Amino acid sequence: MILLDGKAASAALRGELRPRAEEFLKRYGRRMTLAVVLVGDDPASKIYVENKRRACEEVGIRSLNYFLPAETSEGEVCSLLDTLAEDSRVHGILLQLPLPAPLEAERILAHIPTEKDVDGFSAENIGNLIQRLPCLAPCTPSGIMELLKRNGICVRGKRAVVVGRSNIVGRPMAALLLNADATVTVCHSKTVNLREECVRADLLIAAVGKARLIGADMVKEGAVVVDVGMNRVNGKLCGDVDFEAVREKASYLTPVPGGVGPMTIAMLMKNTCDAAERSVRNELFRKIQPISARI
């Protein structure tokens, strides 16, 4: 079994992004900028935000962090997002999820413009992904694709099974795999005989948030197994895959932690770079248009 090392792959990707950030600063006199909004004091969310800040610092992206108390109203959160949306110096906006009750994420996320939606959650970005058009793709599934690519794993023609159908991972994961010419099955809580579906997979991706759901009897000999789960059992982190059991059958396997997680943050950095570069291209295009109209 070969370990799919997300830490090493993400470090390599961040190293590739730094020259892009430096060139942007040199050429335009301003830094690529990511704004992160955190509402409430969820401990896990605080850790994620700090990890993102460190990644920004490493790549050379300016990080703006906004910490709002849990009792902040929906109107106040939306007002902040609207301000960031109008600020041309901000290239990416991320609203850290989950939000404290009674805030509704879907309605609030709509205030992040598609071109600054570096999480890739907007309806337009997801629609473009499905139609194979340029987009900012969700970070976790695109990070998985990057991890597979960097390990020389081609999914074309392979049977891929995604366990989980969330809007954040499962559904966009299926779209990315389909765009890469895999044959894709999506399993969920209503799937009949999950084991039979999983054991057919050349590539198995578990993203349901149930500790050690995937055992050795659900994995095909030689399959590539990607574990997106992040669960805490008896104070220790574990994934949706029973790592010790499955490692005897898988050809490649991600660890938890250290697999998919670091790739998610690295792809957020990449999306921010892409959004920043696209924003200046759009600015130049808007300046050229009136000139072209007069010719």
Protein backbone atom coordinates (compact mmCIF):
# COMPACT_ATOMS: atom_id res chain seq x y z
CA MET A 1 0.00 0.00 0.00
CA ILE A 2 1.25 3.47 -0.93
CA LEU A 3 0.28 6.34 1.32
CA LEU A 4 -1.30 9.32 -0.45
CA ASP A 5 0.57 12.01 1.45
CA GLY A 6 -1.51 15.18 1.40
CA LYS A 7 1.04 17.11 3.44
CA ALA A 8 3.79 16.60 0.86
CA ALA A 9 1.53 17.28 -2.12
CA SER A 10 0.06 20.42 -0.56
CA ALA A 11 3.52 21.73 0.32
CA ALA A 12 4.60 21.25 -3.28
CA LEU A 13 1.51 23.05 -4.57
CA ARG A 14 1.94 25.97 -2.18
CA GLY A 15 5.54 26.25 -3.37
CA GLU A 16 4.29 26.51 -6.96
CA LEU A 17 1.76 29.20 -6.04
CA ARG A 18 4.21 31.50 -4.28
CA PRO A 19 5.89 32.74 -7.52
CA ARG A 20 2.42 33.57 -8.88
CA ALA A 21 1.66 35.68 -5.80
CA GLU A 22 5.05 37.39 -6.02
CA GLU A 23 4.59 38.15 -9.73
CA PHE A 24 1.13 39.58 -9.04
CA LEU A 25 2.56 41.94 -6.42
CA LYS A 26 5.42 42.98 -8.68
CA ARG A 27 3.17 43.60 -11.69
CA TYR A 28 0.15 45.24 -10.05
CA GLY A 29 1.58 46.72 -6.86
CA ARG A 30 -0.90 44.95 -4.58
CA ARG A 31 -1.11 41.55 -3.02
CA MET A 32 -3.57 38.79 -3.74
CA THR A 33 -6.08 39.00 -0.90
CA LEU A 34 -8.34 36.47 0.82
CA ALA A 35 -10.98 37.56 3.33
CA VAL A 36 -12.18 34.95 5.82
CA VAL A 37 -15.29 35.53 7.93
CA LEU A 38 -15.83 33.44 11.07
CA VAL A 39 -19.06 33.75 13.04
CA GLY A 40 -19.06 32.27 16.55
CA ASP A 41 -16.37 30.46 18.50
CA ASP A 42 -16.48 26.89 17.19
CA PRO A 43 -13.05 25.41 18.19
CA ALA A 44 -12.62 23.39 14.98
CA SER A 45 -13.48 26.40 12.83
CA LYS A 46 -10.92 28.50 14.69
CA ILE A 47 -8.24 25.92 13.92
CA TYR A 48 -9.23 25.83 10.24
CA VAL A 49 -9.10 29.63 9.99
CA GLU A 50 -5.66 29.72 11.61
CA ASN A 51 -4.40 27.03 9.21
CA LYS A 52 -5.69 29.08 6.29
CA ARG A 53 -3.95 32.18 7.63
CA ARG A 54 -0.66 30.30 7.84
CA ALA A 55 -1.07 28.96 4.31
CA CYS A 56 -1.73 32.49 3.03
CA GLU A 57 1.43 33.72 4.75
CA GLU A 58 3.47 30.92 3.18
CA VAL A 59 2.16 31.56 -0.34
CA GLY A 60 2.33 35.36 -0.07
CA ILE A 61 -1.41 36.05 -0.03
CA ARG A 62 -2.73 38.82 2.22
CA SER A 63 -5.14 37.34 4.76
CA LEU A 64 -7.99 39.42 6.21
CA ASN A 65 -9.77 37.67 9.09
CA TYR A 66 -13.10 38.88 10.46
CA PHE A 67 -14.22 37.34 13.75
CA LEU A 68 -17.88 37.97 14.58
CA PRO A 69 -19.68 36.94 17.79
CA ALA A 70 -22.19 34.09 17.64
CA GLU A 71 -25.09 36.48 18.24
CA THR A 72 -24.31 38.49 15.07
CA SER A 73 -27.47 38.93 13.01
CA GLU A 74 -27.91 37.70 9.46
CA GLY A 75 -28.15 41.28 8.26
CA GLU A 76 -24.81 42.18 9.85
CA VAL A 77 -23.03 39.19 8.29
CA CYS A 78 -24.55 39.96 4.88
CA SER A 79 -23.57 43.62 5.19
CA LEU A 80 -19.94 42.66 5.79
CA LEU A 81 -19.98 40.26 2.83
CA ASP A 82 -21.49 42.98 0.62
CA THR A 83 -18.71 45.36 1.64
CA LEU A 84 -16.05 42.78 0.83
CA ALA A 85 -17.77 41.99 -2.46
CA GLU A 86 -17.51 45.66 -3.50
CA ASP A 87 -13.87 45.98 -2.45
CA SER A 88 -11.68 45.54 -5.53
CA ARG A 89 -8.67 44.88 -3.28
CA VAL A 90 -10.30 41.64 -2.04
CA HIS A 91 -10.05 38.77 -4.53
CA GLY A 92 -11.50 35.89 -2.53
CA ILE A 93 -14.13 35.65 0.21
CA LEU A 94 -14.66 32.65 2.44
CA LEU A 95 -17.44 32.27 4.99
CA GLN A 96 -16.34 29.61 7.46
CA LEU A 97 -18.98 26.92 7.97
CA PRO A 98 -20.88 25.76 9.95
CA LEU A 99 -22.69 28.91 11.07
CA PRO A 100 -24.26 29.14 14.52
CA ALA A 101 -28.05 28.84 14.69
CA PRO A 102 -30.29 30.44 13.58
CA LEU A 103 -28.15 31.75 10.70
CA GLU A 104 -28.93 30.10 7.34
CA ALA A 105 -25.78 29.44 5.31
CA GLU A 106 -27.42 29.18 1.89
CA ARG A 107 -29.03 32.61 2.07
CA ILE A 108 -25.90 34.28 3.44
CA LEU A 109 -23.52 32.60 0.97
CA ALA A 110 -25.53 34.16 -1.86
CA HIS A 111 -23.94 37.50 -0.91
CA ILE A 112 -20.52 36.25 -2.06
CA PRO A 113 -20.11 37.02 -5.79
CA THR A 114 -19.24 34.06 -7.98
CA GLU A 115 -15.90 35.53 -9.03
CA LYS A 116 -14.84 35.80 -5.36
CA ASP A 117 -16.37 32.49 -4.26
CA VAL A 118 -13.07 30.71 -3.59
CA ASP A 119 -14.89 27.92 -1.73
CA GLY A 120 -16.62 27.10 -5.03
CA PHE A 121 -20.07 26.76 -3.49
CA SER A 122 -22.09 29.23 -5.57
CA ALA A 123 -24.80 27.92 -7.89
CA GLU A 124 -22.98 29.45 -10.86
CA ASN A 125 -19.64 27.84 -10.01
CA ILE A 126 -21.30 24.46 -9.48
CA GLY A 127 -23.30 24.86 -12.69
CA ASN A 128 -20.14 25.71 -14.65
CA LEU A 129 -18.39 22.69 -13.11
CA ILE A 130 -21.14 20.36 -14.26
CA GLN A 131 -21.08 21.89 -17.73
CA ARG A 132 -17.28 21.64 -17.87
CA LEU A 133 -16.90 25.41 -18.08
CA PRO A 134 -14.21 27.48 -16.29
CA CYS A 135 -15.05 27.81 -12.60
CA LEU A 136 -13.74 27.92 -9.06
CA ALA A 137 -14.33 24.31 -8.01
CA PRO A 138 -14.98 23.27 -4.38
CA CYS A 139 -11.66 22.86 -2.60
CA THR A 140 -11.95 19.39 -1.08
CA PRO A 141 -12.96 17.47 -4.23
CA SER A 142 -10.57 19.44 -6.43
CA GLY A 143 -7.86 18.79 -3.85
CA ILE A 144 -8.55 15.06 -4.15
CA MET A 145 -8.19 15.26 -7.94
CA GLU A 146 -4.89 17.12 -7.51
CA LEU A 147 -3.63 14.53 -5.02
CA LEU A 148 -4.48 11.68 -7.42
CA LYS A 149 -2.80 13.49 -10.30
CA ARG A 150 0.39 14.15 -8.36
CA ASN A 151 0.61 10.46 -7.52
CA GLY A 152 0.21 9.41 -11.14
CA ILE A 153 -3.28 7.97 -10.66
CA CYS A 154 -5.39 8.31 -13.80
CA VAL A 155 -9.15 7.94 -13.30
CA ARG A 156 -10.08 7.74 -16.99
CA GLY A 157 -12.16 4.64 -17.62
CA LYS A 158 -12.02 3.62 -13.94
CA ARG A 159 -15.08 2.73 -11.87
CA ALA A 160 -15.32 5.36 -9.13
CA VAL A 161 -17.68 5.14 -6.16
CA VAL A 162 -18.34 8.21 -4.03
CA VAL A 163 -19.95 7.48 -0.66
CA GLY A 164 -21.77 10.66 0.36
CA ARG A 165 -23.79 13.20 -1.61
CA SER A 166 -23.21 16.50 0.19
CA ASN A 167 -23.06 19.74 -1.79
CA ILE A 168 -19.60 20.38 -0.37
CA VAL A 169 -17.90 17.08 -1.30
CA GLY A 170 -19.98 14.25 -2.74
CA ARG A 171 -21.85 15.95 -5.57
CA PRO A 172 -18.97 18.10 -6.90
CA MET A 173 -16.63 15.12 -6.46
CA ALA A 174 -18.85 13.08 -8.76
CA ALA A 175 -18.86 15.90 -11.32
CA LEU A 176 -15.07 16.23 -11.31
CA LEU A 177 -14.64 12.48 -11.74
CA LEU A 178 -17.17 12.41 -14.55
CA ASN A 179 -15.37 15.31 -16.25
CA ALA A 180 -12.17 13.23 -15.99
CA ASP A 181 -13.88 10.32 -17.80
CA ALA A 182 -14.43 8.02 -14.83
CA THR A 183 -17.59 5.91 -14.55
CA VAL A 184 -19.19 7.26 -11.39
CA THR A 185 -21.60 5.86 -8.81
CA VAL A 186 -22.79 8.01 -5.89
CA CYS A 187 -23.93 6.17 -2.76
CA HIS A 188 -25.87 7.62 0.17
CA SER A 189 -28.05 6.74 3.14
CA LYS A 190 -30.77 5.24 0.92
CA THR A 191 -28.39 3.08 -1.15
CA VAL A 192 -29.36 -0.61 -1.12
CA ASN A 193 -26.44 -2.89 -0.22
CA LEU A 194 -23.64 -0.32 0.13
CA ARG A 195 -21.00 -3.03 0.40
CA GLU A 196 -21.76 -4.42 -3.08
CA GLU A 197 -21.45 -0.98 -4.61
CA CYS A 198 -18.18 -0.17 -2.83
CA VAL A 199 -16.45 -3.46 -3.52
CA ARG A 200 -16.77 -2.86 -7.29
CA ALA A 201 -14.81 0.40 -7.12
CA ASP A 202 -11.37 0.93 -8.62
CA LEU A 203 -11.45 4.27 -6.82
CA LEU A 204 -13.42 4.57 -3.58
CA ILE A 205 -14.02 7.96 -1.95
CA ALA A 206 -15.62 8.03 1.51
CA ALA A 207 -17.19 11.33 2.58
CA VAL A 208 -20.03 10.71 5.03
CA GLY A 209 -18.68 11.59 8.47
CA LYS A 210 -19.17 8.15 10.03
CA ALA A 211 -16.14 6.77 11.80
CA ARG A 212 -14.63 3.66 10.18
CA LEU A 213 -17.73 2.99 8.08
CA ILE A 214 -15.65 1.48 5.28
CA GLY A 215 -14.10 -1.82 6.31
CA ALA A 216 -11.86 -4.24 4.46
CA ASP A 217 -14.85 -6.26 3.25
CA MET A 218 -16.08 -3.20 1.32
CA VAL A 219 -12.84 -2.62 -0.59
CA LYS A 220 -11.76 -4.26 -3.83
CA GLU A 221 -8.25 -5.73 -3.85
CA GLY A 222 -5.89 -3.08 -5.22
CA ALA A 223 -8.41 -0.22 -5.09
CA VAL A 224 -7.41 3.40 -4.53
CA VAL A 225 -9.14 4.60 -1.35
CA VAL A 226 -9.58 8.26 -0.42
CA ASP A 227 -10.85 9.07 3.08
CA VAL A 228 -12.49 12.50 3.45
CA GLY A 229 -13.91 11.80 6.92
CA MET A 230 -12.73 13.62 10.01
CA ASN A 231 -14.22 12.07 13.13
CA ARG A 232 -13.19 12.09 16.76
CA VAL A 233 -13.43 8.79 18.66
CA ASN A 234 -12.21 8.58 22.26
CA GLY A 235 -10.37 11.85 21.77
CA LYS A 236 -8.54 10.69 18.65
CA LEU A 237 -9.09 11.64 15.01
CA CYS A 238 -10.10 8.96 12.55
CA GLY A 239 -11.66 8.84 9.12
CA ASP A 240 -14.62 7.16 7.48
CA VAL A 241 -12.28 4.29 6.53
CA ASP A 242 -10.93 1.65 8.91
CA PHE A 243 -7.34 2.49 8.04
CA GLU A 244 -5.57 -0.51 9.61
CA ALA A 245 -7.95 -3.02 8.05
CA VAL A 246 -8.15 -1.42 4.60
CA ARG A 247 -4.42 -0.86 4.20
CA GLU A 248 -4.02 -4.60 3.62
CA LYS A 249 -6.17 -4.42 0.46
CA ALA A 250 -5.78 -0.91 -0.98
CA SER A 251 -3.06 0.00 -3.47
CA TYR A 252 -3.21 3.65 -2.37
CA LEU A 253 -4.78 5.08 0.79
CA THR A 254 -5.03 8.53 2.38
CA PRO A 255 -4.23 8.92 6.10
CA VAL A 256 -6.39 10.86 8.56
CA PRO A 257 -5.13 13.38 9.40
CA GLY A 258 -2.56 14.34 6.75
CA GLY A 259 -4.38 13.23 3.62
CA VAL A 260 -7.25 15.23 2.15
CA GLY A 261 -7.24 18.04 4.74
CA PRO A 262 -3.98 19.74 3.67
CA MET A 263 -5.04 19.53 0.02
CA THR A 264 -8.28 21.37 0.79
CA ILE A 265 -6.37 24.37 2.14
CA ALA A 266 -3.84 24.26 -0.71
CA MET A 267 -6.65 24.34 -3.28
CA LEU A 268 -8.17 27.31 -1.46
CA MET A 269 -4.87 29.09 -2.04
CA LYS A 270 -4.96 28.08 -5.72
CA ASN A 271 -8.53 29.31 -6.11
CA THR A 272 -7.52 32.64 -4.55
CA CYS A 273 -4.63 32.96 -7.00
CA ASP A 274 -6.92 32.10 -9.91
CA ALA A 275 -9.56 34.59 -8.73
CA ALA A 276 -6.99 37.38 -8.33
CA GLU A 277 -5.47 36.85 -11.76
CA ARG A 278 -8.90 36.64 -13.34
CA SER A 279 -9.97 39.87 -11.65
CA VAL A 280 -7.13 41.89 -13.20
CA ARG A 281 -7.78 40.35 -16.63
CA ASN A 282 -11.41 41.40 -16.32
CA GLU A 283 -10.34 44.91 -15.28
CA LEU A 284 -8.14 45.21 -18.36
CA PHE A 285 -10.93 43.89 -20.57
CA ARG A 286 -13.36 46.49 -19.24
CA LYS A 287 -10.84 49.25 -19.95
CA ILE A 288 -10.22 47.99 -23.49
CA GLN A 289 -13.91 47.67 -24.40
CA PRO A 290 -14.68 51.43 -24.61
CA ILE A 291 -11.55 51.94 -26.74
CA SER A 292 -12.60 49.14 -29.10
CA ALA A 293 -16.05 50.64 -29.43
CA ARG A 294 -14.55 53.94 -30.70
CA ILE A 295 -12.39 52.29 -33.35
